[in-house]
Protein backbone atom coordinates (compact mmCIF):
# COMPACT_ATOMS: atom_id res chain seq x y z
CA MET A 1 -2.75 60.98 -31.02
CA GLU A 2 -2.10 61.57 -27.33
CA ASP A 3 0.67 64.06 -28.17
CA ASN A 4 -1.76 65.99 -30.35
CA ALA A 5 -4.10 66.41 -27.39
CA LEU A 6 -1.19 67.73 -25.28
CA TRP A 7 -0.24 70.52 -27.68
CA LEU A 8 -0.57 73.12 -24.89
CA ARG A 9 2.18 71.32 -22.95
CA HIS A 10 4.41 71.48 -26.03
CA LEU A 11 3.58 75.18 -26.41
CA LEU A 12 4.71 75.74 -22.83
CA GLY A 13 7.91 73.81 -23.59
CA LEU A 14 8.46 76.04 -26.62
CA LEU A 15 8.14 79.22 -24.57
CA VAL A 16 10.39 77.94 -21.78
CA GLN A 17 13.13 76.73 -24.12
CA VAL A 18 13.08 79.92 -26.19
CA LEU A 19 13.40 82.02 -23.06
CA VAL A 20 16.22 79.85 -21.66
CA ALA A 21 18.09 79.86 -24.98
CA PHE A 22 17.65 83.63 -25.29
CA TYR A 23 18.88 84.13 -21.71
CA ILE A 24 22.00 82.04 -22.41
CA PHE A 25 22.55 83.92 -25.66
CA VAL A 26 22.35 87.30 -23.89
CA LYS A 27 24.59 86.21 -21.01
CA SER A 28 27.27 84.99 -23.42
CA LEU A 29 26.98 88.04 -25.67
CA ARG A 30 30.39 89.32 -26.72
CA LEU A 31 31.58 91.53 -29.54
CA THR A 32 32.64 88.59 -31.69
CA GLN A 33 31.56 87.24 -35.03
CA LEU A 34 30.15 84.05 -33.53
CA ASN A 35 27.37 86.00 -31.79
CA TYR A 36 26.05 87.14 -35.14
CA VAL A 37 26.48 83.65 -36.62
CA ALA A 38 24.22 82.25 -33.88
CA ILE A 39 21.26 84.52 -34.75
CA PRO A 40 20.02 82.71 -37.92
CA MET A 41 20.36 79.33 -36.17
CA PHE A 42 18.39 80.75 -33.24
CA VAL A 43 15.64 81.82 -35.67
CA SER A 44 15.66 78.41 -37.36
CA GLY A 45 15.26 76.64 -34.00
CA ILE A 46 12.25 78.77 -33.03
CA ILE A 47 10.58 78.07 -36.39
CA LYS A 48 11.23 74.32 -36.14
CA TYR A 49 9.82 74.03 -32.64
CA GLY A 50 6.93 76.36 -33.54
CA GLU A 51 6.02 74.22 -36.56
CA ARG A 52 5.90 71.16 -34.34
CA THR A 53 3.52 72.83 -31.89
CA TRP A 54 1.40 74.17 -34.75
CA ALA A 55 1.15 70.68 -36.27
CA LEU A 56 0.19 69.13 -32.92
CA ARG A 57 -2.51 71.75 -32.37
CA SER A 58 -3.91 71.31 -35.89
CA ALA A 59 -4.15 67.53 -35.44
CA SER A 60 -5.72 67.61 -31.97
CA SER A 61 -9.25 66.24 -31.93
CA ASP A 62 -10.95 69.52 -30.98
CA HIS A 63 -9.18 71.73 -33.51
CA PHE A 64 -9.29 69.06 -36.23
CA ARG A 65 -13.06 68.76 -35.80
CA ASP A 66 -13.58 72.53 -35.64
CA SER A 67 -11.59 73.04 -38.83
CA LEU A 68 -13.98 70.73 -40.70
CA LEU A 69 -17.22 72.29 -39.53
CA PRO A 70 -19.04 74.24 -42.26
CA ARG A 71 -19.94 77.86 -41.87
CA PRO A 72 -23.08 78.46 -39.79
CA ASP A 73 -26.14 78.40 -42.03
CA PRO A 74 -29.23 79.99 -40.42
CA GLY A 75 -31.28 79.22 -43.53
CA PRO A 76 -34.08 81.39 -44.94
CA ASN A 77 -35.25 84.25 -42.74
CA TYR A 78 -38.29 82.68 -41.09
CA ALA A 79 -39.20 85.73 -38.99
CA LYS A 80 -39.19 88.02 -42.05
CA PHE A 81 -41.21 85.47 -44.03
CA MET A 82 -43.90 85.28 -41.33
CA GLU A 83 -44.02 89.07 -40.94
CA GLU A 84 -44.65 89.43 -44.64
CA TYR A 85 -47.25 86.65 -44.52
CA VAL A 86 -49.17 88.29 -41.64
CA LEU A 87 -48.94 91.73 -43.28
CA ARG A 88 -50.32 90.51 -46.62
CA GLU A 89 -53.05 88.58 -44.86
CA ALA A 90 -54.08 91.72 -42.90
CA GLU A 91 -54.26 93.68 -46.16
CA GLY A 92 -56.89 91.23 -47.43
CA TYR A 93 -54.86 89.36 -50.00
CA ASN A 94 -55.53 85.74 -50.80
CA ILE A 95 -52.23 84.17 -49.85
CA GLN A 96 -50.98 80.77 -50.81
CA TRP A 97 -47.56 79.32 -50.30
CA THR A 98 -45.80 76.61 -52.24
CA LYS A 99 -42.82 74.49 -51.31
CA MET A 100 -40.24 74.42 -54.08
CA LYS A 101 -37.11 72.38 -54.39
CA ASP A 102 -33.87 74.02 -55.33
CA PRO A 103 -32.28 72.71 -58.54
CA LYS A 104 -30.20 69.66 -57.85
CA VAL A 105 -26.54 70.30 -57.40
CA VAL A 106 -24.56 69.07 -60.37
CA ILE A 107 -22.10 66.50 -59.08
CA ARG A 108 -18.75 66.63 -60.82
CA SER A 109 -17.79 63.21 -62.04
CA LEU A 110 -14.30 62.35 -60.87
CA VAL A 111 -14.23 59.40 -63.26
CA THR A 112 -13.63 61.70 -66.22
CA ASP A 113 -12.46 64.99 -64.74
CA GLY A 114 -9.82 63.42 -62.50
CA ALA A 115 -7.82 62.18 -65.49
CA LYS A 116 -8.68 65.03 -67.84
CA ASP A 117 -7.45 67.84 -65.57
CA CYS A 118 -4.11 66.21 -64.72
CA HIS A 119 -1.01 67.65 -66.36
CA ILE A 120 1.16 64.84 -64.96
CA GLU A 121 0.06 61.29 -65.63
CA ALA A 122 1.47 60.01 -62.33
CA ALA A 123 -0.63 62.57 -60.43
CA SER A 124 -3.97 61.09 -61.48
CA THR A 125 -4.38 58.66 -58.55
CA PRO A 126 -2.82 60.94 -55.87
CA ARG A 127 -5.01 63.81 -57.00
CA ARG A 128 -8.19 61.75 -56.84
CA ALA A 129 -7.16 60.37 -53.43
CA TYR A 130 -6.44 63.91 -52.21
CA GLU A 131 -9.87 65.13 -53.31
CA TYR A 132 -11.52 62.26 -51.45
CA PHE A 133 -9.29 62.94 -48.46
CA GLN A 134 -10.52 66.53 -48.29
CA ILE A 135 -14.09 65.20 -48.08
CA TYR A 136 -13.81 61.97 -46.10
CA LYS A 137 -11.42 63.20 -43.43
CA CYS A 138 -14.66 64.27 -41.70
CA LEU A 139 -15.13 60.59 -40.82
CA PHE A 140 -12.10 60.77 -38.52
CA ALA A 141 -13.84 63.57 -36.62
CA ASP A 142 -17.11 61.60 -36.33
CA LEU A 143 -18.96 64.03 -38.60
CA ILE A 144 -21.80 63.17 -40.96
CA LEU A 145 -21.55 63.72 -44.72
CA GLY A 146 -24.31 64.58 -47.18
CA PHE A 147 -25.61 62.77 -50.24
CA GLN A 148 -23.52 64.92 -52.61
CA GLU A 149 -20.27 63.52 -51.16
CA LEU A 150 -21.60 59.98 -51.43
CA GLU A 151 -22.45 60.41 -55.11
CA MET A 152 -18.95 61.74 -55.80
CA SER A 153 -17.22 58.65 -54.49
CA LYS A 154 -19.75 56.13 -55.79
CA SER A 155 -19.33 57.48 -59.31
CA PHE A 156 -15.73 56.30 -59.21
CA PHE A 157 -15.80 53.14 -57.09
CA LEU A 158 -18.83 51.56 -58.73
CA HIS A 159 -17.29 51.88 -62.19
CA GLY A 160 -13.71 50.96 -61.32
CA ASP A 161 -11.88 47.78 -60.42
CA TRP A 162 -10.56 46.55 -57.09
CA LYS A 163 -6.94 47.48 -57.81
CA LYS A 164 -7.74 51.15 -58.41
CA ALA A 165 -10.12 51.21 -55.47
CA PHE A 166 -7.59 49.89 -52.95
CA SER A 167 -4.85 52.05 -54.46
CA VAL A 168 -6.93 55.19 -53.88
CA ILE A 169 -7.89 54.05 -50.37
CA GLU A 170 -4.23 53.36 -49.54
CA MET A 171 -3.15 56.80 -50.72
CA GLU A 172 -6.07 58.50 -49.00
CA LEU A 173 -5.11 56.92 -45.67
CA ALA A 174 -1.52 58.05 -46.28
CA PHE A 175 -2.82 61.64 -46.38
CA VAL A 176 -4.73 61.00 -43.15
CA PHE A 177 -1.55 59.64 -41.54
CA ASP A 178 0.38 62.74 -42.62
CA SER A 179 -2.30 64.98 -41.12
CA PHE A 180 -2.22 63.29 -37.71
CA TYR A 181 1.43 62.29 -37.33
CA THR A 182 3.60 64.59 -39.48
CA LYS A 183 4.02 68.26 -40.36
CA SER A 184 2.92 67.72 -43.96
CA ALA A 185 -0.48 69.36 -43.49
CA ILE A 186 1.22 72.65 -42.59
CA HIS A 187 4.38 72.33 -44.70
CA TYR A 188 2.39 72.46 -47.92
CA THR A 189 0.43 75.57 -47.02
CA ARG A 190 1.64 79.01 -48.13
CA TRP A 191 2.98 79.87 -44.67
CA GLY A 192 4.48 76.43 -44.36
CA ARG A 193 6.47 76.84 -47.56
CA ILE A 194 7.68 80.26 -46.43
CA LEU A 195 8.81 78.97 -43.03
CA ARG A 196 10.52 75.95 -44.59
CA SER A 197 12.46 78.23 -46.94
CA LEU A 198 13.48 80.40 -43.99
CA THR A 199 14.83 77.47 -41.98
CA LEU A 200 16.75 76.16 -44.99
CA LEU A 201 18.31 79.55 -45.74
CA SER A 202 19.06 80.20 -42.06
CA THR A 203 20.91 76.89 -41.67
CA PHE A 204 22.95 77.42 -44.83
CA ALA A 205 23.69 81.01 -43.79
CA THR A 206 24.95 79.83 -40.41
CA LEU A 207 27.31 77.29 -41.97
CA ALA A 208 28.61 79.80 -44.52
CA ALA A 209 29.10 82.53 -41.92
CA TYR A 210 30.90 80.16 -39.57
CA TYR A 211 33.19 79.01 -42.38
CA PHE A 212 34.31 82.58 -43.12
CA SER A 213 34.51 83.69 -39.49
CA GLN A 214 37.72 83.98 -37.46
CA LYS A 215 38.22 80.75 -35.50
CA HIS A 216 41.91 80.84 -34.59
CA GLN A 217 41.16 81.78 -30.97
CA TYR A 218 39.17 78.58 -30.38
CA SER A 219 40.44 75.08 -29.79
CA ARG A 220 40.61 72.68 -32.74
CA VAL A 221 38.29 70.19 -31.01
CA ASP A 222 35.57 72.83 -30.52
CA VAL A 223 35.82 73.92 -34.15
CA ILE A 224 35.52 70.32 -35.43
CA ILE A 225 32.53 69.62 -33.20
CA THR A 226 30.80 72.79 -34.40
CA TYR A 227 31.44 71.85 -38.03
CA ILE A 228 29.99 68.38 -37.43
CA LEU A 229 26.84 69.86 -35.87
CA LEU A 230 26.36 72.42 -38.64
CA VAL A 231 26.98 69.94 -41.45
CA GLY A 232 24.56 67.55 -39.76
CA ALA A 233 21.91 70.27 -39.57
CA VAL A 234 22.41 71.15 -43.25
CA SER A 235 22.26 67.48 -44.23
CA LEU A 236 18.98 67.05 -42.37
CA GLU A 237 17.58 70.09 -44.16
CA ILE A 238 18.62 68.69 -47.54
CA LEU A 239 17.11 65.26 -46.79
CA GLY A 240 13.95 66.95 -45.56
CA MET A 241 13.72 68.98 -48.75
CA ILE A 242 14.19 65.84 -50.87
CA GLY A 243 11.39 64.12 -48.95
CA TRP A 244 9.26 67.26 -49.36
CA LEU A 245 9.77 67.27 -53.13
CA CYS A 246 9.17 63.52 -53.53
CA SER A 247 5.90 63.41 -51.59
CA ASP A 248 2.43 63.14 -53.09
CA TRP A 249 1.59 66.53 -51.56
CA ALA A 250 4.25 68.18 -53.72
CA LEU A 251 3.13 66.23 -56.79
CA ILE A 252 -0.45 67.44 -56.36
CA TRP A 253 0.69 71.02 -55.77
CA LEU A 254 2.85 70.85 -58.89
CA ASP A 255 0.01 69.44 -60.97
CA HIS A 256 -2.24 72.36 -60.03
CA HIS A 257 0.15 75.00 -61.39
CA GLU A 258 0.07 75.48 -65.15
CA LYS A 259 2.29 78.56 -65.34
CA ILE A 260 5.47 76.67 -64.46
CA PRO A 261 7.20 73.97 -66.56
CA VAL A 262 5.43 71.12 -64.76
CA LYS A 263 6.67 68.14 -66.75
CA GLN A 264 10.31 69.26 -66.74
CA ILE A 265 10.27 69.78 -62.98
CA TYR A 266 8.58 66.41 -62.45
CA LYS A 267 11.30 64.67 -64.50
CA ALA A 268 13.95 66.27 -62.31
CA ILE A 269 12.10 65.22 -59.14
CA SER A 270 11.70 61.66 -60.47
CA PHE A 271 15.45 61.10 -60.05
CA LEU A 272 15.17 62.04 -56.37
CA LYS A 273 12.52 59.37 -55.73
CA LEU A 274 15.31 56.83 -55.58
CA PHE A 275 15.76 57.98 -51.98
CA GLY A 276 12.19 57.21 -50.94
CA SER A 277 9.77 54.30 -50.80
CA GLU A 278 6.59 54.01 -52.83
CA SER A 279 4.78 51.87 -50.25
CA LYS A 280 2.01 53.72 -48.43
CA TRP A 281 1.26 51.06 -45.84
CA SER A 282 2.63 47.75 -44.66
CA ASN A 283 0.12 45.68 -46.71
CA GLN A 284 0.48 43.06 -44.00
CA MET A 285 -2.06 41.32 -41.79
CA MET A 286 -1.01 40.03 -38.38
CA GLN A 287 -1.67 36.36 -37.61
CA TYR A 288 -2.64 34.56 -34.43
CA ASN A 289 -3.65 30.90 -34.24
CA LEU A 290 -5.20 29.50 -31.09
CA ILE A 291 -4.12 25.86 -31.40
CA SER A 292 -0.60 26.70 -32.55
CA SER A 293 -0.18 29.12 -29.63
CA CYS A 294 -0.79 26.25 -27.22
CA PHE A 295 2.58 24.79 -28.24
CA GLU A 296 4.62 27.96 -27.90
CA VAL A 297 7.21 28.23 -25.15
CA GLU A 298 6.02 30.58 -22.44
CA SER A 299 8.22 33.39 -21.26
CA THR A 300 9.89 32.33 -18.04
CA LYS A 301 8.81 34.23 -14.94
CA SER A 302 11.94 33.18 -13.07
CA CYS A 303 14.09 35.51 -15.16
CA LEU A 304 14.61 38.39 -12.73
CA PHE A 305 17.27 40.15 -14.79
CA LEU A 306 15.33 42.94 -16.54
CA PRO A 307 17.12 42.92 -19.95
CA CYS A 308 16.77 39.13 -20.10
CA TYR A 309 13.06 39.35 -19.25
CA ILE A 310 12.46 42.05 -21.89
CA TYR A 311 14.33 39.98 -24.48
CA HIS A 312 12.17 36.91 -23.79
CA LYS A 313 8.95 38.95 -23.91
CA PHE A 314 9.97 40.57 -27.20
CA LYS A 315 11.00 37.23 -28.70
CA LEU A 316 7.73 35.62 -27.64
CA LYS A 317 5.74 38.48 -29.13
CA THR A 318 7.53 38.42 -32.49
CA GLU A 319 7.23 34.65 -32.74
CA ALA A 320 3.57 34.56 -31.69
CA GLU A 321 2.51 37.30 -34.12
CA PRO A 322 3.77 36.49 -37.60
CA THR A 323 2.61 38.61 -40.50
CA GLU A 324 1.34 37.68 -43.93
CA ARG A 325 0.92 39.80 -47.03
CA VAL A 326 -2.70 40.66 -47.80
CA PRO A 327 -3.59 38.46 -50.82
CA ASP A 328 -4.89 40.16 -53.94
CA LEU A 329 -7.66 37.57 -54.09
CA LEU A 330 -8.92 38.74 -50.68
CA LYS A 331 -9.00 42.39 -51.79
CA LYS A 332 -10.84 41.43 -54.96
CA TYR A 333 -13.38 39.30 -53.07
CA ILE A 334 -14.05 42.07 -50.52
CA PHE A 335 -14.55 44.64 -53.27
CA GLU A 336 -16.89 42.41 -55.25
CA GLN A 337 -18.95 41.60 -52.16
CA LEU A 338 -19.40 45.29 -51.38
CA LEU A 339 -20.40 46.12 -54.94
CA GLU A 340 -22.91 43.30 -54.87
CA HIS A 341 -24.75 45.14 -52.10
CA THR A 342 -24.65 48.63 -53.57
CA SER A 343 -25.58 50.22 -56.88
CA ASP A 344 -26.12 53.62 -58.47
CA SER A 345 -29.58 53.90 -56.94
CA LYS A 346 -29.49 52.21 -53.53
CA GLU A 347 -27.37 50.59 -50.87
CA ASP A 348 -28.11 47.46 -48.84
CA ARG A 349 -26.70 48.54 -45.48
CA THR A 350 -27.96 45.42 -43.76
CA PHE A 351 -24.94 43.64 -45.27
CA CYS A 352 -22.74 45.40 -42.71
CA THR A 353 -24.64 43.71 -39.87
CA SER A 354 -25.15 40.24 -41.39
CA ARG A 355 -21.97 38.75 -39.81
CA GLY A 356 -22.22 35.66 -42.04
CA SER A 357 -25.94 35.02 -42.32
CA TRP A 358 -26.12 36.39 -45.86
CA VAL A 359 -23.62 33.90 -47.30
CA LEU A 360 -25.19 31.04 -45.32
CA ASP A 361 -28.55 31.85 -46.89
CA ARG A 362 -26.92 32.06 -50.30
CA TYR A 363 -25.53 28.52 -50.05
CA GLN A 364 -28.60 27.03 -48.35
CA SER A 365 -26.77 26.52 -45.05
CA GLN A 366 -29.30 28.10 -42.73
CA ASP A 367 -28.75 25.24 -40.28
CA LEU A 368 -25.44 26.93 -39.38
CA ASN A 369 -27.04 30.26 -38.47
CA TRP A 370 -26.65 29.36 -34.78
CA SER A 371 -22.91 29.93 -35.14
CA VAL A 372 -23.23 33.53 -36.42
CA GLU A 373 -26.18 34.61 -34.27
CA LYS A 374 -24.22 34.35 -31.02
CA GLU A 375 -22.14 37.18 -29.54
CA PHE A 376 -19.59 38.44 -32.04
CA ASP A 377 -16.50 37.33 -30.10
CA GLN A 378 -18.06 33.89 -29.66
CA SER A 379 -18.72 33.61 -33.40
CA ILE A 380 -15.10 34.61 -34.13
CA LEU A 381 -13.72 31.85 -31.91
CA LEU A 382 -16.16 29.25 -33.26
CA TRP A 383 -15.31 29.95 -36.88
CA HIS A 384 -11.60 30.38 -36.21
CA ILE A 385 -11.21 26.91 -34.69
CA ALA A 386 -13.52 25.35 -37.29
CA THR A 387 -11.58 27.00 -40.12
CA ASP A 388 -8.30 25.80 -38.65
CA LEU A 389 -9.55 22.21 -38.38
CA CYS A 390 -10.96 22.23 -41.92
CA TYR A 391 -7.72 23.70 -43.25
CA HIS A 392 -5.77 20.87 -41.63
CA ARG A 393 -7.87 18.37 -43.59
CA ASP A 394 -7.47 20.18 -46.94
CA GLU A 395 -3.97 21.66 -46.74
CA ASN A 396 -2.68 18.96 -49.14
CA LEU A 397 -4.77 20.27 -52.04
CA GLU A 398 -3.07 21.17 -55.31
CA PRO A 399 -1.32 24.53 -54.74
CA GLN A 400 -2.50 25.82 -58.13
CA SER A 401 -6.16 24.92 -57.61
CA VAL A 402 -8.83 27.51 -56.86
CA ALA A 403 -9.94 25.56 -53.78
CA TYR A 404 -6.45 25.76 -52.28
CA VAL A 405 -6.22 29.52 -52.85
CA VAL A 406 -9.62 30.14 -51.24
CA CYS A 407 -8.68 27.77 -48.42
CA HIS A 408 -5.43 29.66 -47.80
CA VAL A 409 -7.14 33.07 -47.89
CA SER A 410 -9.76 31.86 -45.40
CA LYS A 411 -7.08 30.73 -42.97
CA LEU A 412 -5.20 34.06 -43.21
CA LEU A 413 -8.38 36.05 -42.62
CA SER A 414 -9.36 33.77 -39.71
CA ASN A 415 -5.99 34.25 -38.01
CA TYR A 416 -6.11 38.00 -38.64
CA ILE A 417 -9.50 38.55 -37.03
CA LEU A 418 -8.52 36.39 -34.05
CA TYR A 419 -5.39 38.55 -33.72
CA LEU A 420 -7.67 41.60 -33.49
CA LEU A 421 -9.76 39.87 -30.83
CA VAL A 422 -6.73 38.90 -28.72
CA LYS A 423 -4.27 41.75 -29.30
CA GLN A 424 -6.41 44.69 -30.48
CA PRO A 425 -9.80 44.13 -28.79
CA PHE A 426 -10.59 47.86 -28.81
CA MET A 427 -11.06 47.62 -32.59
CA LEU A 428 -13.92 45.13 -32.19
CA PRO A 429 -17.38 45.57 -30.62
CA ASN A 430 -17.53 45.39 -26.84
CA GLY A 431 -17.88 41.95 -25.32
CA ILE A 432 -16.18 39.33 -23.20
CA GLY A 433 -13.82 38.22 -25.95
CA LYS A 434 -10.77 38.13 -23.69
CA ILE A 435 -12.53 35.94 -21.10
CA ARG A 436 -13.94 33.63 -23.76
CA PHE A 437 -10.53 33.31 -25.42
CA GLN A 438 -8.78 32.52 -22.12
CA ASP A 439 -11.30 29.81 -21.26
CA THR A 440 -11.09 28.28 -24.73
CA PHE A 441 -7.30 28.44 -24.67
CA ALA A 442 -7.20 26.80 -21.24
CA GLU A 443 -9.50 23.96 -22.36
CA ALA A 444 -7.44 23.39 -25.50
CA LYS A 445 -4.25 23.27 -23.47
CA ASP A 446 -5.75 20.79 -20.99
CA PHE A 447 -6.90 18.62 -23.89
CA ILE A 448 -3.36 18.61 -25.33
CA GLN A 449 -1.57 17.94 -22.02
CA GLU A 450 -3.92 15.13 -20.94
CA ARG A 451 -3.20 13.24 -24.16
CA SER A 452 0.52 14.20 -24.33
CA ILE A 453 0.13 15.63 -27.82
CA GLU A 454 3.41 16.99 -29.15
CA ASP A 455 2.45 18.99 -32.26
CA ALA A 456 -0.40 21.19 -33.51
CA ASN A 457 -1.44 18.99 -36.46
CA THR A 458 -1.90 15.98 -34.21
CA ALA A 459 -3.98 18.12 -31.86
CA ARG A 460 -6.21 19.19 -34.72
CA GLN A 461 -6.67 15.59 -35.84
CA ARG A 462 -7.55 14.43 -32.33
CA LEU A 463 -10.06 17.27 -31.93
CA LEU A 464 -11.79 16.28 -35.16
CA ASN A 465 -12.07 12.69 -33.90
CA ILE A 466 -13.95 13.72 -30.74
CA LYS A 467 -17.59 12.62 -30.85
CA THR A 468 -19.93 15.56 -30.28
CA ILE A 469 -23.30 13.84 -30.33
CA ILE A 470 -24.31 15.55 -27.07
CA LEU A 471 -24.10 19.34 -27.02
CA PRO A 472 -21.05 20.53 -25.03
CA GLY A 473 -23.22 23.06 -23.18
CA ASP A 474 -25.45 20.30 -21.84
CA VAL A 475 -22.44 18.55 -20.29
CA LYS A 476 -20.35 21.50 -19.11
CA GLY A 477 -22.96 24.11 -18.23
CA ASP A 478 -22.30 27.81 -18.74
CA ARG A 479 -19.69 28.50 -16.05
CA SER A 480 -16.87 28.19 -18.56
CA LYS A 481 -17.06 30.38 -21.65
CA SER A 482 -15.01 27.96 -23.75
CA VAL A 483 -16.29 27.18 -27.26
CA LEU A 484 -13.67 24.57 -28.21
CA PHE A 485 -15.96 21.60 -28.77
CA ASP A 486 -18.79 23.70 -30.19
CA ALA A 487 -16.24 24.69 -32.83
CA CYS A 488 -15.47 21.00 -33.42
CA ARG A 489 -19.19 20.43 -34.08
CA LEU A 490 -19.16 23.33 -36.55
CA ALA A 491 -16.09 21.91 -38.31
CA LYS A 492 -17.80 18.54 -38.77
CA TYR A 493 -20.88 20.23 -40.22
CA LEU A 494 -18.69 22.16 -42.65
CA GLN A 495 -16.82 19.03 -43.73
CA ASN A 496 -20.04 17.72 -45.27
CA ARG A 497 -20.71 20.86 -47.30
CA GLU A 498 -20.04 20.73 -51.03
CA ARG A 499 -18.76 24.33 -51.28
CA LYS A 500 -17.49 24.70 -47.75
CA TRP A 501 -14.59 27.04 -48.56
CA GLN A 502 -16.85 29.48 -50.42
CA ILE A 503 -19.03 29.47 -47.29
CA ILE A 504 -16.07 29.92 -44.93
CA VAL A 505 -14.42 32.78 -46.82
CA GLY A 506 -17.81 34.46 -47.24
CA VAL A 507 -18.50 34.31 -43.50
CA TRP A 508 -15.08 35.75 -42.67
CA VAL A 509 -15.48 38.62 -45.13
CA GLU A 510 -18.86 39.47 -43.60
CA MET A 511 -17.30 39.39 -40.12
CA LEU A 512 -14.51 41.66 -41.34
CA VAL A 513 -17.04 44.11 -42.79
CA TYR A 514 -19.08 44.07 -39.58
CA ALA A 515 -16.00 44.65 -37.41
CA ALA A 516 -14.85 47.50 -39.66
CA SER A 517 -18.23 49.22 -39.51
CA GLN A 518 -18.37 48.97 -35.69
CA CYS A 519 -14.84 50.23 -34.96
CA ARG A 520 -14.58 53.89 -33.88
CA SER A 521 -12.75 56.34 -36.11
CA ASN A 522 -10.17 57.31 -33.47
CA HIS A 523 -9.07 53.66 -33.19
CA HIS A 524 -8.62 53.51 -36.96
CA ALA A 525 -6.50 56.68 -36.77
CA GLN A 526 -4.36 55.26 -33.95
CA GLN A 527 -3.54 52.12 -35.93
CA LEU A 528 -2.21 54.18 -38.84
CA ALA A 529 0.86 54.87 -36.70
CA GLN A 530 1.47 51.10 -36.42
CA GLY A 531 1.60 50.56 -40.19
CA GLY A 532 -2.14 50.46 -40.85
CA GLU A 533 -4.76 47.72 -40.65
CA LEU A 534 -6.73 45.95 -43.36
CA LEU A 535 -9.75 46.68 -41.17
CA THR A 536 -9.24 50.43 -41.68
CA HIS A 537 -9.06 50.07 -45.47
CA VAL A 538 -12.33 48.13 -45.47
CA TRP A 539 -13.94 50.75 -43.19
CA LEU A 540 -13.07 53.59 -45.55
CA LEU A 541 -14.10 51.54 -48.58
CA LEU A 542 -17.50 50.99 -46.95
CA ALA A 543 -17.95 54.74 -46.68
CA HIS A 544 -17.00 55.31 -50.31
CA VAL A 545 -19.58 52.87 -51.67
CA GLY A 546 -22.34 54.07 -49.34
CA LEU A 547 -22.48 51.11 -46.93
CA SER A 548 -21.68 53.28 -43.91
CA GLU A 549 -23.82 55.02 -41.33
CA HIS A 550 -21.88 58.28 -41.74
CA PHE A 551 -24.19 59.74 -44.38
CA ARG A 552 -27.26 61.90 -44.05
CA ILE A 553 -29.32 61.02 -47.11
CA SER A 554 -31.79 63.74 -48.10
CA GLU A 555 -33.63 64.91 -51.17
CA GLY A 556 -31.85 68.23 -51.25
CA HIS A 557 -32.70 71.78 -50.07
CA ALA A 558 -36.16 73.28 -50.23
CA ARG A 559 -37.61 76.78 -49.97
CA VAL A 560 -41.08 78.28 -49.57
CA VAL A 561 -42.45 80.98 -51.90
CA LEU A 562 -45.49 83.17 -51.19
CA ASP A 563 -48.12 83.45 -53.93
CA VAL A 564 -50.02 86.74 -53.32
CA ARG A 565 -53.27 87.23 -55.25
């Protein structure tokens, strides 16, 4: 994203390098065949570098936003209307005016048309995702959408299942990634296809011309090196063309053209897909556990040798941040919770700000509202430690039981949101999360060292055994921001609940929804380059079902008509 903003610097680099290359070309100009062979490669290089600068400029925040702005709409001519009104009134007419609504715009239902219009069965989901991408990419420019766009997406998501919903979201974010980080957005335009054909032909022409040129006056080593470079350039062009043909952009373009043998071409392209991957995002959620991290070996500060220090830091990071696959049950639960708060007629947007209070009310656990009404980072730490302690008590459940699955999903989601708090705090609402985490971590470590505890499970058991009759805040004051023993109190309260894991997973889903709704769009776009975040998928899903603040809901357009009598 930073490179996109610096597109002018890349444009300057393009001009400088073209001038230097042209100067060297002119200075070495001789009446030999190799001078003419160099011309098509020179053209190909300019096009390649120019495409890069063009792509960076198109994806920069200013130009990306400007490209999405609608045409200026001054509306009805008010001055002319008032002139006519005053003129008719001066002529003695009895004038009345009525406010009329324009006929409602007919919203095309993508539920039926998306499948009906497709000539290739495999293009149904990419085509629907592309249509949504063309509309909802405005969210990444912090623009507001109208009610027509909301009705288009709701007509599909409210009548579909969670698998189709997340599949469309995944593919839609893949298009967003291509727009910000690749040349795809310009390669699949008319000029992009022309320029790509020119570079391919120029590279092949250079190799062919060099093969038939006279090379006996040059050393064998120089000839071999030149062949290696040219064959490498041609190979890159071929691989690039294969990737171009196997992409969803090409599939959508092919599906829109009826005059060509679509199905035959698609069958031929299907064989090339063996070279590519079908995965659109990592489908992983990073994990970070507070108590477990207390037992990790710290990177030594006495290692002054730089490679050794970097190795230890990298090893510590990879060990401290394991990843887990996003469970299907979690996706299903998130989707069902969102649908429960939206319908064809209205949306309950207060769900995005509940942060756990809604599920506590549902299970008659209002006595725990104190834990979700605090600052958001404080609630995350409270529920993370409490979830971890409860999981330690119930981790020996039957692996096939529903309770175990919900228990496992709750733990994964708890570790994921804590990872965001510790490692990606910019994706969460502003607060003192880092300070609160450091104080809680320090208190947990002191508790472990004072009692010479050697493993995480023993630490969890000892924490659960601590009596918390007196509130920790009454004993410690508010100088330290640690919430360790407040979380132990919360864990003990949860242990006595009949459906505690339904409560826990519900609270974490609400926290995830709240965090997704509060994260800025540019942070979501930045994380796409790191493999994508579950938080971003939930954020876009919120927009599609109408639980986002990015919509301007109105009754439609209106106009005024004069009634002259």
